[in-house]
Amino acid sequence: MRRLGTFTAVFMLAMVGLVPTSVADAGGGPPPDYFVDQSKLPFEAAPGATAYWGVHKGAGYRIEVPDNWNGDLVMWAHGFRGTGLELTVEDHPLRSLLIPLGYAWASSSYSRNDYDISVGVKDTHALAKRFSGIVGNADKVYISGASMGGHITAVSIEQYNTYAGALAVCGVVGDHELFDYFTDFSLAGQQLGTGSSTFPVDPAQYIGVTVPTIKANMEAVPGTFPFVLNATGESFKQLVEIQSGGDRPNFDEAFAFWNSIDGNTGPGNFLFEFGAGDGTLPRAPGVAVDNSDTVYQLDLDPAISAAEQALNDDIFRVSADAQTRRTQGLAQVPTITGDISVPMLTLHNLGDLFVPVHNEIVYGERVAAQGNSDLLVQRAIRGVVHCDFTPAELGTAFLDLVTWVEAGVKPDGDDFLDSMAVADPLFGCEFTDGFHFLGTPCP
C-alpha cells in the first residue's frame, strides 16, 4: 500500500466519503440529528499548555493555550467530513509549532457535516468569540484551513473583520469551479470515450457500463488505463490537464495516480464517480454545476482544431440555476469574490486532481479583479496527493504570514496567473521542502 503521511491520510480518508450518489443531498425534510460524542473531546495538553474542550452552539471544540501565551490565536477550519451524523474535532496540524512559540489555537467540529461552507464559517467565528469568554481577548486572530476548510478560510476573511491574516492550504478557493471541473471530467470522458454524453446520468448504468467503456476506448492495450493510452486517451489526458490548471510539472504522475486509486465502486473509479451526481449542493435547491460556456481543448495550441470544434459542438451542456451561485451573503456554498482586506497565503500541490490548482488560478484572478493582489501570496508544491504538505512547508508558510502581518514584509510566492511560469519545469521548486509521494524531483 502506498505510504502516506498522517496529515495526508486524514484527507484521503475524508475523500472516500465525498463520493455520494449525488454531489450532495439537497433534499427537504427536517435537519439530521447531528451529535458530538463528548467523550472524544478531551485531549492532553502539550507541556506548558492548558487544554479546553466542550460544545458550543451545537459544535464540538478544542482549545489549547500555552502558559507563555503571546496573545495571538490561530483558528483551524477542517476539511470535508462526509455526510455522517457524528461531528468530530481535530487538532491544528501546526500544534507542535504553535504552542512552543506562544500561539493559542482553536478548532471546531462545526454543527453540521456535508459541504456546508456557511455553517463552517459561522461556527469557526463563533468559536473565536467563545475563546474570548474562556481565555480572554486575543490581540490578533489568524484563520487557517485545508481543503473545504480553505473555502471556509477564504470566505471568512471576506465576511468578518475578526481576522488579521489567513492561510489556506489545498483549498477550494475557486468554489463552484471545483464542481464544474468534476462535471468537465465526466462529460468529456463520456463524449471522447463513447461518442455521446449526458447529464445527469443513471448512476448504475454510468458506473457499470459507461465508465468501463470509456477506459477501454482510451487504453492502448486492454487493462492499461490510465498508464498506456491510445490517441483518444492522450487527448482526454490533455483536456484534463488544461481544465485542472494548465500545462505544469507533476501532471503525468497526477493523472496516473488519481485515475488508478479506488473509488467506492471499483478500482480506478475515484474521479469518474463524481460524474454520478445530479449537480446539487447542500441545502441549495437547483443544479450548481455549469459548462454552458466552457471551451474544451485537446492540445496546448489555442487555435480550435476540427476535433476540438466537434467536441465543443457535441458535448452535453449544463447551465447552473441562478440561485445556486449567489455572490452576496453566506449561501450554503458561497462564491468567493476576492474582496479581501488582510494578507492571505495559500499552498497547493501541482498534482492534486481532487482539488486541482485551477482553484488557485481562479482565486488569483478574482483577487486581482478586486485590486487586492498585494494581499495575496500563492505557493506551488511539487506533490500529487491532496493536502500533502510537510511540516516544514506548513510551518514556513505560517511564519511568513505572521511576519507579513506584523512587519508588513510581503513574502515571496509563485505566479499562478503566468501560464509560462507554471509550465516551467522548475515551477514549484522554490517552496517544496521535503519528500512528496510521486512528486517530481527538482534539480
Foldseek 3Di string as FASTA:
>chain_A
DDDADPQQVVVVVLLLQCQDLANADQDDDDDDQAAEPVVPFDDDADPQKDKDWDADPQKTKIKIFGVQAPQEEEEEQEAARHQDRYFDWDDDPLRVVQRVVRYMYMTISFNGGFLFLLSSLVVSVVVLVVCCVVPRHGPAYEYEYEASSLLNQLVNQVPDVRHQEYEYELYLLQQQLLLQLLQCLQLLLQCLQPVAGDPQDQLCCCLVPRVVSSQCSFAPDPPQPPPHGDPSSLLSLQQSQCSQQAAAPLANVLRRVQQQPDHPRGGRCSSNSNSSHRQDGYNFDWHSYWDQPPQTGRHPPPDQDPVSVVCVVHTDTDDTDPRNADADDRDRRYGRQLPGDHAYEYEYECQASSSGCVSVQSNCVRVVVNVNNVRYAYAYAQARRGSRADSVLVVVRVVQSVCCSPVVDHDHHADSNDNVLRNDHCGRVVRHDDDYVSGDDHD
